[in-house]
Amino acid sequence: MSIEEALEALKSDTNIKFKDLLKICEYFFEGPRISGSHHIFKMPWQGHPRVNIQKDGNKAKAYQVKQVKEALLKLKEMKKEESK
């Protein structure tokens, strides 16, 4: 799976299945560390190095989908810089 494919799968911030978001996070990020209903993934950069996701029924919470998309975009930019 490429970052572009993951971003396409997350095009809508709503109506994303939690299991689909979890698969994307497991593929691209380190983790998860599970604390109750929270799945916490470590990012490969300094600063705020975590993304936290949790279920909302069988769906992912929209604001958490946005956070994952932002993390994927940052990861894409990092990979682009590394290839220069």
PDB file of N, CA and C in Angstrom:
ATOM      1  N   MET A   1       0.848  -1.173   0.000  1.00  0.00           N
ATOM      2  CA  MET A   1       0.000   0.000   0.000  1.00  0.00           C
ATOM      3  C   MET A   1       0.894   1.237   0.000  1.00  0.00           C
ATOM      4  N   SER A   2       0.543   2.178  -0.846  1.00  0.00           N
ATOM      5  CA  SER A   2       1.294   3.430  -0.888  1.00  0.00           C
ATOM      6  C   SER A   2       0.584   4.480  -0.034  1.00  0.00           C
ATOM      7  N   ILE A   3       1.290   5.557   0.251  1.00  0.00           N
ATOM      8  CA  ILE A   3       0.691   6.642   1.011  1.00  0.00           C
ATOM      9  C   ILE A   3      -0.472   7.241   0.226  1.00  0.00           C
ATOM     10  N   GLU A   4      -0.318   7.343  -1.091  1.00  0.00           N
ATOM     11  CA  GLU A   4      -1.387   7.886  -1.931  1.00  0.00           C
ATOM     12  C   GLU A   4      -2.638   7.015  -1.853  1.00  0.00           C
ATOM     13  N   GLU A   5      -2.468   5.698  -1.865  1.00  0.00           N
ATOM     14  CA  GLU A   5      -3.613   4.786  -1.754  1.00  0.00           C
ATOM     15  C   GLU A   5      -4.295   4.939  -0.396  1.00  0.00           C
ATOM     16  N   ALA A   6      -3.503   5.096   0.652  1.00  0.00           N
ATOM     17  CA  ALA A   6      -4.065   5.281   1.990  1.00  0.00           C
ATOM     18  C   ALA A   6      -4.843   6.592   2.061  1.00  0.00           C
ATOM     19  N   LEU A   7      -4.277   7.657   1.511  1.00  0.00           N
ATOM     20  CA  LEU A   7      -4.969   8.949   1.519  1.00  0.00           C
ATOM     21  C   LEU A   7      -6.262   8.889   0.713  1.00  0.00           C
ATOM     22  N   GLU A   8      -6.241   8.167  -0.379  1.00  0.00           N
ATOM     23  CA  GLU A   8      -7.455   8.001  -1.195  1.00  0.00           C
ATOM     24  C   GLU A   8      -8.529   7.253  -0.409  1.00  0.00           C
ATOM     25  N   ALA A   9      -8.122   6.226   0.329  1.00  0.00           N
ATOM     26  CA  ALA A   9      -9.073   5.452   1.143  1.00  0.00           C
ATOM     27  C   ALA A   9      -9.673   6.311   2.248  1.00  0.00           C
ATOM     28  N   LEU A  10      -8.944   7.340   2.672  1.00  0.00           N
ATOM     29  CA  LEU A  10      -9.405   8.215   3.748  1.00  0.00           C
ATOM     30  C   LEU A  10      -9.916   9.555   3.222  1.00  0.00           C
ATOM     31  N   LYS A  11     -10.307   9.569   1.952  1.00  0.00           N
ATOM     32  CA  LYS A  11     -10.732  10.822   1.318  1.00  0.00           C
ATOM     33  C   LYS A  11     -11.815  11.527   2.139  1.00  0.00           C
ATOM     34  N   SER A  12     -12.796  10.775   2.585  1.00  0.00           N
ATOM     35  CA  SER A  12     -13.857  11.325   3.429  1.00  0.00           C
ATOM     36  C   SER A  12     -13.426  11.201   4.884  1.00  0.00           C
ATOM     37  N   ASP A  13     -13.633  12.254   5.667  1.00  0.00           N
ATOM     38  CA  ASP A  13     -13.275  12.184   7.086  1.00  0.00           C
ATOM     39  C   ASP A  13     -14.315  11.406   7.881  1.00  0.00           C
ATOM     40  N   THR A  14     -15.494  11.280   7.323  1.00  0.00           N
ATOM     41  CA  THR A  14     -16.568  10.553   7.999  1.00  0.00           C
ATOM     42  C   THR A  14     -16.815   9.244   7.266  1.00  0.00           C
ATOM     43  N   ASN A  15     -17.497   8.353   7.923  1.00  0.00           N
ATOM     44  CA  ASN A  15     -17.889   7.079   7.342  1.00  0.00           C
ATOM     45  C   ASN A  15     -16.695   6.182   7.015  1.00  0.00           C
ATOM     46  N   ILE A  16     -15.622   6.299   7.788  1.00  0.00           N
ATOM     47  CA  ILE A  16     -14.456   5.431   7.648  1.00  0.00           C
ATOM     48  C   ILE A  16     -14.570   4.345   8.709  1.00  0.00           C
ATOM     49  N   LYS A  17     -14.466   3.102   8.301  1.00  0.00           N
ATOM     50  CA  LYS A  17     -14.521   2.001   9.257  1.00  0.00           C
ATOM     51  C   LYS A  17     -13.260   2.018  10.118  1.00  0.00           C
ATOM     52  N   PHE A  18     -13.457   1.788  11.406  1.00  0.00           N
ATOM     53  CA  PHE A  18     -12.327   1.789  12.338  1.00  0.00           C
ATOM     54  C   PHE A  18     -11.286   0.756  11.934  1.00  0.00           C
ATOM     55  N   LYS A  19     -11.738  -0.435  11.534  1.00  0.00           N
ATOM     56  CA  LYS A  19     -10.786  -1.489  11.174  1.00  0.00           C
ATOM     57  C   LYS A  19      -9.936  -1.082   9.973  1.00  0.00           C
ATOM     58  N   ASP A  20     -10.492  -0.300   9.044  1.00  0.00           N
ATOM     59  CA  ASP A  20      -9.718   0.165   7.894  1.00  0.00           C
ATOM     60  C   ASP A  20      -8.673   1.195   8.317  1.00  0.00           C
ATOM     61  N   LEU A  21      -9.064   2.110   9.212  1.00  0.00           N
ATOM     62  CA  LEU A  21      -8.118   3.103   9.720  1.00  0.00           C
ATOM     63  C   LEU A  21      -7.014   2.417  10.519  1.00  0.00           C
ATOM     64  N   LEU A  22      -7.381   1.418  11.305  1.00  0.00           N
ATOM     65  CA  LEU A  22      -6.412   0.672  12.103  1.00  0.00           C
ATOM     66  C   LEU A  22      -5.384  -0.021  11.203  1.00  0.00           C
ATOM     67  N   LYS A  23      -5.837  -0.629  10.112  1.00  0.00           N
ATOM     68  CA  LYS A  23      -4.914  -1.298   9.176  1.00  0.00           C
ATOM     69  C   LYS A  23      -3.919  -0.308   8.577  1.00  0.00           C
ATOM     70  N   ILE A  24      -4.413   0.865   8.214  1.00  0.00           N
ATOM     71  CA  ILE A  24      -3.532   1.886   7.636  1.00  0.00           C
ATOM     72  C   ILE A  24      -2.488   2.325   8.662  1.00  0.00           C
ATOM     73  N   CYS A  25      -2.933   2.575   9.887  1.00  0.00           N
ATOM     74  CA  CYS A  25      -1.998   2.996  10.938  1.00  0.00           C
ATOM     75  C   CYS A  25      -0.972   1.903  11.235  1.00  0.00           C
ATOM     76  N   GLU A  26      -1.409   0.652  11.285  1.00  0.00           N
ATOM     77  CA  GLU A  26      -0.488  -0.456  11.559  1.00  0.00           C
ATOM     78  C   GLU A  26       0.546  -0.593  10.436  1.00  0.00           C
ATOM     79  N   TYR A  27       0.166  -0.278   9.219  1.00  0.00           N
ATOM     80  CA  TYR A  27       1.064  -0.408   8.076  1.00  0.00           C
ATOM     81  C   TYR A  27       2.142   0.686   8.074  1.00  0.00           C
ATOM     82  N   PHE A  28       1.743   1.928   8.386  1.00  0.00           N
ATOM     83  CA  PHE A  28       2.657   3.058   8.230  1.00  0.00           C
ATOM     84  C   PHE A  28       3.351   3.509   9.514  1.00  0.00           C
ATOM     85  N   PHE A  29       2.775   3.209  10.685  1.00  0.00           N
ATOM     86  CA  PHE A  29       3.291   3.758  11.927  1.00  0.00           C
ATOM     87  C   PHE A  29       3.653   2.650  12.903  1.00  0.00           C
ATOM     88  N   GLU A  30       4.428   3.005  13.917  1.00  0.00           N
ATOM     89  CA  GLU A  30       4.878   2.051  14.932  1.00  0.00           C
ATOM     90  C   GLU A  30       3.801   1.885  16.003  1.00  0.00           C
ATOM     91  N   GLY A  31       3.442   0.673  16.282  1.00  0.00           N
ATOM     92  CA  GLY A  31       2.449   0.403  17.321  1.00  0.00           C
ATOM     93  C   GLY A  31       1.477  -0.652  16.855  1.00  0.00           C
ATOM     94  N   PRO A  32       0.360  -0.750  17.497  1.00  0.00           N
ATOM     95  CA  PRO A  32      -0.163   0.173  18.492  1.00  0.00           C
ATOM     96  C   PRO A  32       0.164  -0.239  19.914  1.00  0.00           C
ATOM     97  N   ARG A  33       0.135   0.765  20.760  1.00  0.00           N
ATOM     98  CA  ARG A  33       0.092   0.535  22.199  1.00  0.00           C
ATOM     99  C   ARG A  33      -1.373   0.758  22.532  1.00  0.00           C
ATOM    100  N   ILE A  34      -1.994  -0.211  23.170  1.00  0.00           N
ATOM    101  CA  ILE A  34      -3.427  -0.128  23.440  1.00  0.00           C
ATOM    102  C   ILE A  34      -3.645   0.205  24.906  1.00  0.00           C
ATOM    103  N   SER A  35      -4.437   1.240  25.136  1.00  0.00           N
ATOM    104  CA  SER A  35      -4.784   1.679  26.480  1.00  0.00           C
ATOM    105  C   SER A  35      -6.303   1.842  26.520  1.00  0.00           C
ATOM    106  N   GLY A  36      -6.990   0.844  27.045  1.00  0.00           N
ATOM    107  CA  GLY A  36      -8.448   0.857  27.023  1.00  0.00           C
ATOM    108  C   GLY A  36      -8.933   0.748  25.593  1.00  0.00           C
ATOM    109  N   SER A  37      -9.720   1.714  25.153  1.00  0.00           N
ATOM    110  CA  SER A  37     -10.231   1.699  23.778  1.00  0.00           C
ATOM    111  C   SER A  37      -9.331   2.474  22.818  1.00  0.00           C
ATOM    112  N   HIS A  38      -8.246   3.037  23.318  1.00  0.00           N
ATOM    113  CA  HIS A  38      -7.348   3.862  22.509  1.00  0.00           C
ATOM    114  C   HIS A  38      -6.213   3.021  21.927  1.00  0.00           C
ATOM    115  N   HIS A  39      -5.989   3.186  20.630  1.00  0.00           N
ATOM    116  CA  HIS A  39      -4.854   2.581  19.936  1.00  0.00           C
ATOM    117  C   HIS A  39      -3.898   3.720  19.616  1.00  0.00           C
ATOM    118  N   ILE A  40      -2.716   3.681  20.203  1.00  0.00           N
ATOM    119  CA  ILE A  40      -1.775   4.789  20.114  1.00  0.00           C
ATOM    120  C   ILE A  40      -0.591   4.372  19.247  1.00  0.00           C
ATOM    121  N   PHE A  41      -0.333   5.170  18.212  1.00  0.00           N
ATOM    122  CA  PHE A  41       0.745   4.885  17.262  1.00  0.00           C
ATOM    123  C   PHE A  41       1.803   5.963  17.357  1.00  0.00           C
ATOM    124  N   LYS A  42       3.075   5.538  17.317  1.00  0.00           N
ATOM    125  CA  LYS A  42       4.212   6.449  17.401  1.00  0.00           C
ATOM    126  C   LYS A  42       4.614   6.874  15.993  1.00  0.00           C
ATOM    127  N   MET A  43       4.902   8.153  15.849  1.00  0.00           N
ATOM    128  CA  MET A  43       5.321   8.711  14.571  1.00  0.00           C
ATOM    129  C   MET A  43       6.841   8.771  14.500  1.00  0.00           C
ATOM    130  N   PRO A  44       7.405   8.741  13.302  1.00  0.00           N
ATOM    131  CA  PRO A  44       8.864   8.748  13.153  1.00  0.00           C
ATOM    132  C   PRO A  44       9.489  10.140  13.129  1.00  0.00           C
ATOM    133  N   TRP A  45       8.916  11.105  13.854  1.00  0.00           N
ATOM    134  CA  TRP A  45       9.494  12.446  13.902  1.00  0.00           C
ATOM    135  C   TRP A  45       9.331  13.032  15.297  1.00  0.00           C
ATOM    136  N   GLN A  46      10.051  14.121  15.533  1.00  0.00           N
ATOM    137  CA  GLN A  46      10.037  14.800  16.819  1.00  0.00           C
ATOM    138  C   GLN A  46       8.781  15.661  16.944  1.00  0.00           C
ATOM    139  N   GLY A  47       8.528  16.152  18.128  1.00  0.00           N
ATOM    140  CA  GLY A  47       7.367  17.008  18.352  1.00  0.00           C
ATOM    141  C   GLY A  47       6.264  16.217  19.020  1.00  0.00           C
ATOM    142  N   HIS A  48       5.108  16.206  18.395  1.00  0.00           N
ATOM    143  CA  HIS A  48       3.975  15.439  18.928  1.00  0.00           C
ATOM    144  C   HIS A  48       3.963  14.090  18.204  1.00  0.00           C
ATOM    145  N   PRO A  49       4.697  13.132  18.729  1.00  0.00           N
ATOM    146  CA  PRO A  49       4.968  11.912  17.963  1.00  0.00           C
ATOM    147  C   PRO A  49       3.940  10.803  18.108  1.00  0.00           C
ATOM    148  N   ARG A  50       2.649  11.157  18.266  1.00  0.00           N
ATOM    149  CA  ARG A  50       1.645  10.110  18.422  1.00  0.00           C
ATOM    150  C   ARG A  50       0.385  10.430  17.643  1.00  0.00           C
ATOM    151  N   VAL A  51      -0.294   9.363  17.230  1.00  0.00           N
ATOM    152  CA  VAL A  51      -1.658   9.453  16.731  1.00  0.00           C
ATOM    153  C   VAL A  51      -2.456   8.464  17.554  1.00  0.00           C
ATOM    154  N   ASN A  52      -3.587   8.922  18.038  1.00  0.00           N
ATOM    155  CA  ASN A  52      -4.439   8.130  18.902  1.00  0.00           C
ATOM    156  C   ASN A  52      -5.761   7.906  18.162  1.00  0.00           C
ATOM    157  N   ILE A  53      -6.169   6.650  17.993  1.00  0.00           N
ATOM    158  CA  ILE A  53      -7.452   6.381  17.345  1.00  0.00           C
ATOM    159  C   ILE A  53      -8.310   5.512  18.255  1.00  0.00           C
ATOM    160  N   GLN A  54      -9.628   5.649  18.093  1.00  0.00           N
ATOM    161  CA  GLN A  54     -10.547   4.820  18.850  1.00  0.00           C
ATOM    162  C   GLN A  54     -11.855   4.703  18.077  1.00  0.00           C
ATOM    163  N   LYS A  55     -12.615   3.676  18.428  1.00  0.00           N
ATOM    164  CA  LYS A  55     -13.875   3.404  17.751  1.00  0.00           C
ATOM    165  C   LYS A  55     -14.955   4.393  18.154  1.00  0.00           C
ATOM    166  N   ASP A  56     -15.853   4.630  17.222  1.00  0.00           N
ATOM    167  CA  ASP A  56     -17.099   5.339  17.471  1.00  0.00           C
ATOM    168  C   ASP A  56     -18.171   4.450  16.858  1.00  0.00           C
ATOM    169  N   GLY A  57     -18.619   3.450  17.618  1.00  0.00           N
ATOM    170  CA  GLY A  57     -19.423   2.369  17.049  1.00  0.00           C
ATOM    171  C   GLY A  57     -18.466   1.489  16.264  1.00  0.00           C
ATOM    172  N   ASN A  58     -18.748   1.249  14.989  1.00  0.00           N
ATOM    173  CA  ASN A  58     -17.789   0.511  14.155  1.00  0.00           C
ATOM    174  C   ASN A  58     -17.014   1.451  13.227  1.00  0.00           C
ATOM    175  N   LYS A  59     -17.221   2.744  13.407  1.00  0.00           N
ATOM    176  CA  LYS A  59     -16.554   3.761  12.592  1.00  0.00           C
ATOM    177  C   LYS A  59     -15.415   4.402  13.373  1.00  0.00           C
ATOM    178  N   ALA A  60     -14.553   5.095  12.645  1.00  0.00           N
ATOM    179  CA  ALA A  60     -13.480   5.874  13.266  1.00  0.00           C
ATOM    180  C   ALA A  60     -13.998   7.288  13.491  1.00  0.00           C
ATOM    181  N   LYS A  61     -13.491   7.933  14.519  1.00  0.00           N
ATOM    182  CA  LYS A  61     -13.889   9.308  14.788  1.00  0.00           C
ATOM    183  C   LYS A  61     -13.296  10.220  13.715  1.00  0.00           C
ATOM    184  N   ALA A  62     -14.121  11.138  13.204  1.00  0.00           N
ATOM    185  CA  ALA A  62     -13.719  11.985  12.079  1.00  0.00           C
ATOM    186  C   ALA A  62     -12.468  12.808  12.374  1.00  0.00           C
ATOM    187  N   TYR A  63     -12.355  13.366  13.578  1.00  0.00           N
ATOM    188  CA  TYR A  63     -11.179  14.197  13.873  1.00  0.00           C
ATOM    189  C   TYR A  63      -9.915  13.340  13.929  1.00  0.00           C
ATOM    190  N   GLN A  64     -10.048  12.067  14.288  1.00  0.00           N
ATOM    191  CA  GLN A  64      -8.889  11.176  14.318  1.00  0.00           C
ATOM    192  C   GLN A  64      -8.489  10.759  12.910  1.00  0.00           C
ATOM    193  N   VAL A  65      -9.478  10.620  12.012  1.00  0.00           N
ATOM    194  CA  VAL A  65      -9.171  10.348  10.601  1.00  0.00           C
ATOM    195  C   VAL A  65      -8.362  11.515  10.048  1.00  0.00           C
ATOM    196  N   LYS A  66      -8.758  12.743  10.380  1.00  0.00           N
ATOM    197  CA  LYS A  66      -8.019  13.928   9.928  1.00  0.00           C
ATOM    198  C   LYS A  66      -6.584  13.905  10.444  1.00  0.00           C
ATOM    199  N   GLN A  67      -6.396  13.503  11.711  1.00  0.00           N
ATOM    200  CA  GLN A  67      -5.049  13.438  12.281  1.00  0.00           C
ATOM    201  C   GLN A  67      -4.195  12.416  11.538  1.00  0.00           C
ATOM    202  N   VAL A  68      -4.775  11.281  11.193  1.00  0.00           N
ATOM    203  CA  VAL A  68      -4.034  10.251  10.459  1.00  0.00           C
ATOM    204  C   VAL A  68      -3.677  10.770   9.075  1.00  0.00           C
ATOM    205  N   LYS A  69      -4.598  11.453   8.416  1.00  0.00           N
ATOM    206  CA  LYS A  69      -4.307  12.018   7.094  1.00  0.00           C
ATOM    207  C   LYS A  69      -3.166  13.027   7.167  1.00  0.00           C
ATOM    208  N   GLU A  70      -3.191  13.882   8.193  1.00  0.00           N
ATOM    209  CA  GLU A  70      -2.105  14.855   8.370  1.00  0.00           C
ATOM    210  C   GLU A  70      -0.773  14.149   8.602  1.00  0.00           C
ATOM    211  N   ALA A  71      -0.786  13.081   9.385  1.00  0.00           N
ATOM    212  CA  ALA A  71       0.438  12.321   9.645  1.00  0.00           C
ATOM    213  C   ALA A  71       0.942  11.661   8.365  1.00  0.00           C
ATOM    214  N   LEU A  72       0.034  11.138   7.549  1.00  0.00           N
ATOM    215  CA  LEU A  72       0.434  10.523   6.282  1.00  0.00           C
ATOM    216  C   LEU A  72       1.034  11.554   5.334  1.00  0.00           C
ATOM    217  N   LEU A  73       0.449  12.744   5.302  1.00  0.00           N
ATOM    218  CA  LEU A  73       0.994  13.806   4.452  1.00  0.00           C
ATOM    219  C   LEU A  73       2.391  14.216   4.914  1.00  0.00           C
ATOM    220  N   LYS A  74       2.595  14.292   6.214  1.00  0.00           N
ATOM    221  CA  LYS A  74       3.921  14.627   6.747  1.00  0.00           C
ATOM    222  C   LYS A  74       4.922  13.520   6.421  1.00  0.00           C
ATOM    223  N   LEU A  75       4.495  12.262   6.552  1.00  0.00           N
ATOM    224  CA  LEU A  75       5.355  11.134   6.217  1.00  0.00           C
ATOM    225  C   LEU A  75       5.717  11.158   4.732  1.00  0.00           C
ATOM    226  N   LYS A  76       4.750  11.473   3.892  1.00  0.00           N
ATOM    227  CA  LYS A  76       4.991  11.580   2.448  1.00  0.00           C
ATOM    228  C   LYS A  76       6.029  12.657   2.161  1.00  0.00           C
ATOM    229  N   GLU A  77       5.909  13.800   2.831  1.00  0.00           N
ATOM    230  CA  GLU A  77       6.860  14.898   2.650  1.00  0.00           C
ATOM    231  C   GLU A  77       8.255  14.496   3.119  1.00  0.00           C
ATOM    232  N   MET A  78       8.335  13.783   4.242  1.00  0.00           N
ATOM    233  CA  MET A  78       9.625  13.319   4.757  1.00  0.00           C
ATOM    234  C   MET A  78      10.300  12.382   3.762  1.00  0.00           C
ATOM    235  N   LYS A  79       9.524  11.469   3.192  1.00  0.00           N
ATOM    236  CA  LYS A  79      10.080  10.521   2.222  1.00  0.00           C
ATOM    237  C   LYS A  79      10.541  11.246   0.965  1.00  0.00           C
ATOM    238  N   LYS A  80       9.798  12.271   0.576  1.00  0.00           N
ATOM    239  CA  LYS A  80      10.160  13.067  -0.592  1.00  0.00           C
ATOM    240  C   LYS A  80      11.501  13.771  -0.345  1.00  0.00           C
ATOM    241  N   GLU A  81      11.672  14.342   0.853  1.00  0.00           N
ATOM    242  CA  GLU A  81      12.917  15.024   1.207  1.00  0.00           C
ATOM    243  C   GLU A  81      14.092  14.047   1.263  1.00  0.00           C
ATOM    244  N   GLU A  82      13.850  12.840   1.763  1.00  0.00           N
ATOM    245  CA  GLU A  82      14.917  11.834   1.855  1.00  0.00           C
ATOM    246  C   GLU A  82      15.402  11.398   0.479  1.00  0.00           C
ATOM    247  N   SER A  83      14.513  11.411  -0.506  1.00  0.00           N
ATOM    248  CA  SER A  83      14.881  10.936  -1.832  1.00  0.00           C
ATOM    249  C   SER A  83      15.617  11.989  -2.657  1.00  0.00           C
ATOM    250  N   LYS A  84      15.730  13.204  -2.131  1.00  0.00           N
ATOM    251  CA  LYS A  84      16.441  14.272  -2.873  1.00  0.00           C
ATOM    252  C   LYS A  84      17.930  14.103  -2.767  1.00  0.00           C
TER     253      LYS A  84
END
